[in-house]
Amino acid sequence: MSNENPRDPLHGVTLEQIVTRLESHYGWDGLAQRIDINCFKKDQSIKSSLKFLRRTQWARDKVERLYVATFHH
């Protein structure tokens, strides 16, 4: 998703802000139920999640879609 369009719900939102807000809303277990990745199931931390998501585009796409679906109806 492009972060260049101001109408984009992700415009100006960092990956860290996305993960932090989703974790606050769903908790790690809730995130793991919605997106099946180990950083949400085992090594549950913002730092480990960011490291994985920055390297793994398909997982980042899923996290971004969940964020938009959750907070931008």
N, C-alpha and C. Protein backbone atom coordinates (compact mmCIF):
# COMPACT_ATOMS: atom_id res chain seq x y z
N MET A 1 0.84 -1.18 0.00
CA MET A 1 0.00 0.00 0.00
C MET A 1 0.88 1.24 0.00
N SER A 2 0.48 2.20 -0.75
CA SER A 2 1.27 3.42 -0.88
C SER A 2 1.00 4.34 0.29
N ASN A 3 2.06 4.94 0.79
CA ASN A 3 1.92 5.92 1.86
C ASN A 3 2.02 7.34 1.32
N GLU A 4 1.88 7.52 0.00
CA GLU A 4 2.04 8.84 -0.59
C GLU A 4 0.72 9.59 -0.72
N ASN A 5 -0.39 8.91 -0.71
CA ASN A 5 -1.71 9.52 -0.89
C ASN A 5 -2.30 9.89 0.47
N PRO A 6 -2.61 11.17 0.70
CA PRO A 6 -3.18 11.56 2.00
C PRO A 6 -4.52 10.89 2.30
N ARG A 7 -5.23 10.41 1.29
CA ARG A 7 -6.49 9.69 1.52
C ARG A 7 -6.27 8.25 1.91
N ASP A 8 -5.05 7.77 1.75
CA ASP A 8 -4.68 6.42 2.16
C ASP A 8 -4.75 6.37 3.68
N PRO A 9 -5.52 5.43 4.26
CA PRO A 9 -5.63 5.38 5.72
C PRO A 9 -4.30 5.08 6.42
N LEU A 10 -3.30 4.62 5.67
CA LEU A 10 -2.00 4.34 6.25
C LEU A 10 -1.03 5.52 6.09
N HIS A 11 -1.47 6.58 5.45
CA HIS A 11 -0.61 7.75 5.22
C HIS A 11 -0.14 8.33 6.56
N GLY A 12 1.17 8.43 6.72
CA GLY A 12 1.73 9.02 7.92
C GLY A 12 1.75 8.11 9.14
N VAL A 13 1.34 6.86 8.97
CA VAL A 13 1.30 5.92 10.10
C VAL A 13 2.48 4.96 9.94
N THR A 14 3.30 4.85 10.98
CA THR A 14 4.45 3.95 10.91
C THR A 14 4.02 2.51 11.19
N LEU A 15 4.86 1.59 10.75
CA LEU A 15 4.60 0.18 11.03
C LEU A 15 4.57 -0.06 12.54
N GLU A 16 5.42 0.62 13.27
CA GLU A 16 5.41 0.46 14.74
C GLU A 16 4.08 0.92 15.33
N GLN A 17 3.54 2.02 14.84
CA GLN A 17 2.25 2.50 15.32
C GLN A 17 1.14 1.50 14.99
N ILE A 18 1.21 0.92 13.81
CA ILE A 18 0.20 -0.07 13.39
C ILE A 18 0.23 -1.27 14.33
N VAL A 19 1.42 -1.85 14.52
CA VAL A 19 1.54 -3.05 15.37
C VAL A 19 1.15 -2.74 16.81
N THR A 20 1.58 -1.60 17.32
CA THR A 20 1.27 -1.22 18.70
C THR A 20 -0.24 -1.06 18.89
N ARG A 21 -0.89 -0.40 17.96
CA ARG A 21 -2.33 -0.18 18.10
C ARG A 21 -3.11 -1.49 17.96
N LEU A 22 -2.71 -2.34 17.01
CA LEU A 22 -3.39 -3.64 16.86
C LEU A 22 -3.18 -4.50 18.10
N GLU A 23 -1.98 -4.50 18.65
CA GLU A 23 -1.72 -5.31 19.85
C GLU A 23 -2.55 -4.79 21.02
N SER A 24 -2.67 -3.48 21.16
CA SER A 24 -3.49 -2.92 22.23
C SER A 24 -4.96 -3.29 22.06
N HIS A 25 -5.42 -3.35 20.82
CA HIS A 25 -6.82 -3.64 20.53
C HIS A 25 -7.15 -5.13 20.67
N TYR A 26 -6.32 -5.99 20.07
CA TYR A 26 -6.61 -7.43 20.02
C TYR A 26 -5.83 -8.26 21.03
N GLY A 27 -4.67 -7.76 21.48
CA GLY A 27 -3.76 -8.59 22.27
C GLY A 27 -3.00 -9.53 21.35
N TRP A 28 -1.92 -10.10 21.85
CA TRP A 28 -1.10 -10.99 21.01
C TRP A 28 -1.89 -12.21 20.55
N ASP A 29 -2.67 -12.80 21.45
CA ASP A 29 -3.43 -13.99 21.08
C ASP A 29 -4.47 -13.68 20.00
N GLY A 30 -5.11 -12.53 20.13
CA GLY A 30 -6.09 -12.13 19.12
C GLY A 30 -5.44 -11.88 17.77
N LEU A 31 -4.26 -11.29 17.79
CA LEU A 31 -3.53 -11.08 16.53
C LEU A 31 -3.13 -12.42 15.92
N ALA A 32 -2.66 -13.34 16.75
CA ALA A 32 -2.24 -14.65 16.26
C ALA A 32 -3.42 -15.41 15.64
N GLN A 33 -4.62 -15.22 16.18
CA GLN A 33 -5.80 -15.88 15.61
C GLN A 33 -6.13 -15.30 14.24
N ARG A 34 -5.88 -14.01 14.05
CA ARG A 34 -6.23 -13.34 12.81
C ARG A 34 -5.15 -13.46 11.74
N ILE A 35 -3.89 -13.47 12.18
CA ILE A 35 -2.76 -13.57 11.27
C ILE A 35 -1.79 -14.61 11.85
N ASP A 36 -1.65 -15.73 11.16
CA ASP A 36 -0.89 -16.87 11.67
C ASP A 36 0.60 -16.71 11.38
N ILE A 37 1.26 -15.90 12.21
CA ILE A 37 2.71 -15.74 12.10
C ILE A 37 3.31 -15.90 13.50
N ASN A 38 4.52 -16.48 13.54
CA ASN A 38 5.14 -16.82 14.82
C ASN A 38 5.41 -15.63 15.72
N CYS A 39 5.69 -14.47 15.15
CA CYS A 39 6.00 -13.33 16.02
C CYS A 39 4.77 -12.88 16.81
N PHE A 40 3.57 -13.30 16.39
CA PHE A 40 2.37 -13.02 17.17
C PHE A 40 2.04 -14.19 18.11
N LYS A 41 2.60 -15.38 17.84
CA LYS A 41 2.27 -16.57 18.63
C LYS A 41 3.31 -16.88 19.69
N LYS A 42 4.60 -16.72 19.38
CA LYS A 42 5.65 -17.18 20.29
C LYS A 42 6.47 -16.03 20.86
N ASP A 43 7.26 -15.38 20.04
CA ASP A 43 8.13 -14.30 20.52
C ASP A 43 7.34 -12.99 20.46
N GLN A 44 6.42 -12.83 21.39
CA GLN A 44 5.44 -11.75 21.35
C GLN A 44 6.03 -10.44 21.85
N SER A 45 6.54 -9.65 20.91
CA SER A 45 7.03 -8.32 21.26
C SER A 45 6.91 -7.43 20.03
N ILE A 46 6.82 -6.15 20.29
CA ILE A 46 6.76 -5.19 19.19
C ILE A 46 8.04 -5.29 18.37
N LYS A 47 9.18 -5.37 19.07
CA LYS A 47 10.48 -5.40 18.39
C LYS A 47 10.60 -6.61 17.45
N SER A 48 10.26 -7.79 17.91
CA SER A 48 10.38 -8.97 17.05
C SER A 48 9.38 -8.92 15.90
N SER A 49 8.21 -8.39 16.17
CA SER A 49 7.20 -8.27 15.11
C SER A 49 7.67 -7.31 14.03
N LEU A 50 8.22 -6.17 14.43
CA LEU A 50 8.70 -5.20 13.45
C LEU A 50 9.83 -5.78 12.62
N LYS A 51 10.74 -6.49 13.24
CA LYS A 51 11.86 -7.09 12.52
C LYS A 51 11.34 -8.05 11.45
N PHE A 52 10.40 -8.91 11.81
CA PHE A 52 9.84 -9.87 10.86
C PHE A 52 9.04 -9.16 9.76
N LEU A 53 8.18 -8.24 10.15
CA LEU A 53 7.29 -7.60 9.18
C LEU A 53 8.06 -6.72 8.19
N ARG A 54 9.16 -6.16 8.61
CA ARG A 54 9.96 -5.34 7.69
C ARG A 54 10.65 -6.20 6.63
N ARG A 55 10.86 -7.47 6.93
CA ARG A 55 11.51 -8.38 5.98
C ARG A 55 10.51 -9.19 5.16
N THR A 56 9.26 -9.24 5.58
CA THR A 56 8.30 -10.19 5.01
C THR A 56 7.07 -9.44 4.51
N GLN A 57 7.07 -9.11 3.22
CA GLN A 57 6.05 -8.23 2.67
C GLN A 57 4.64 -8.82 2.77
N TRP A 58 4.49 -10.14 2.51
CA TRP A 58 3.13 -10.71 2.55
C TRP A 58 2.52 -10.57 3.94
N ALA A 59 3.34 -10.74 4.98
CA ALA A 59 2.83 -10.63 6.35
C ALA A 59 2.53 -9.16 6.67
N ARG A 60 3.38 -8.27 6.21
CA ARG A 60 3.14 -6.84 6.44
C ARG A 60 1.84 -6.41 5.76
N ASP A 61 1.60 -6.91 4.55
CA ASP A 61 0.36 -6.60 3.85
C ASP A 61 -0.86 -7.03 4.65
N LYS A 62 -0.79 -8.22 5.24
CA LYS A 62 -1.91 -8.72 6.06
C LYS A 62 -2.13 -7.85 7.29
N VAL A 63 -1.04 -7.44 7.93
CA VAL A 63 -1.14 -6.58 9.12
C VAL A 63 -1.74 -5.23 8.74
N GLU A 64 -1.29 -4.67 7.62
CA GLU A 64 -1.82 -3.38 7.18
C GLU A 64 -3.31 -3.48 6.83
N ARG A 65 -3.70 -4.58 6.18
CA ARG A 65 -5.13 -4.77 5.85
C ARG A 65 -5.97 -4.92 7.12
N LEU A 66 -5.46 -5.64 8.11
CA LEU A 66 -6.18 -5.79 9.38
C LEU A 66 -6.33 -4.43 10.06
N TYR A 67 -5.29 -3.64 10.04
CA TYR A 67 -5.33 -2.30 10.64
C TYR A 67 -6.41 -1.45 9.98
N VAL A 68 -6.42 -1.43 8.66
CA VAL A 68 -7.40 -0.63 7.93
C VAL A 68 -8.81 -1.15 8.22
N ALA A 69 -8.99 -2.46 8.19
CA ALA A 69 -10.31 -3.05 8.44
C ALA A 69 -10.80 -2.77 9.85
N THR A 70 -9.88 -2.73 10.81
CA THR A 70 -10.24 -2.55 12.22
C THR A 70 -10.54 -1.09 12.55
N PHE A 71 -9.71 -0.19 12.04
CA PHE A 71 -9.81 1.21 12.49
C PHE A 71 -10.33 2.19 11.46
N HIS A 72 -10.56 1.75 10.23
CA HIS A 72 -11.03 2.64 9.17
C HIS A 72 -12.17 1.98 8.41
N HIS A 73 -13.30 1.85 9.05
CA HIS A 73 -14.45 1.16 8.46
C HIS A 73 -14.95 1.91 7.25
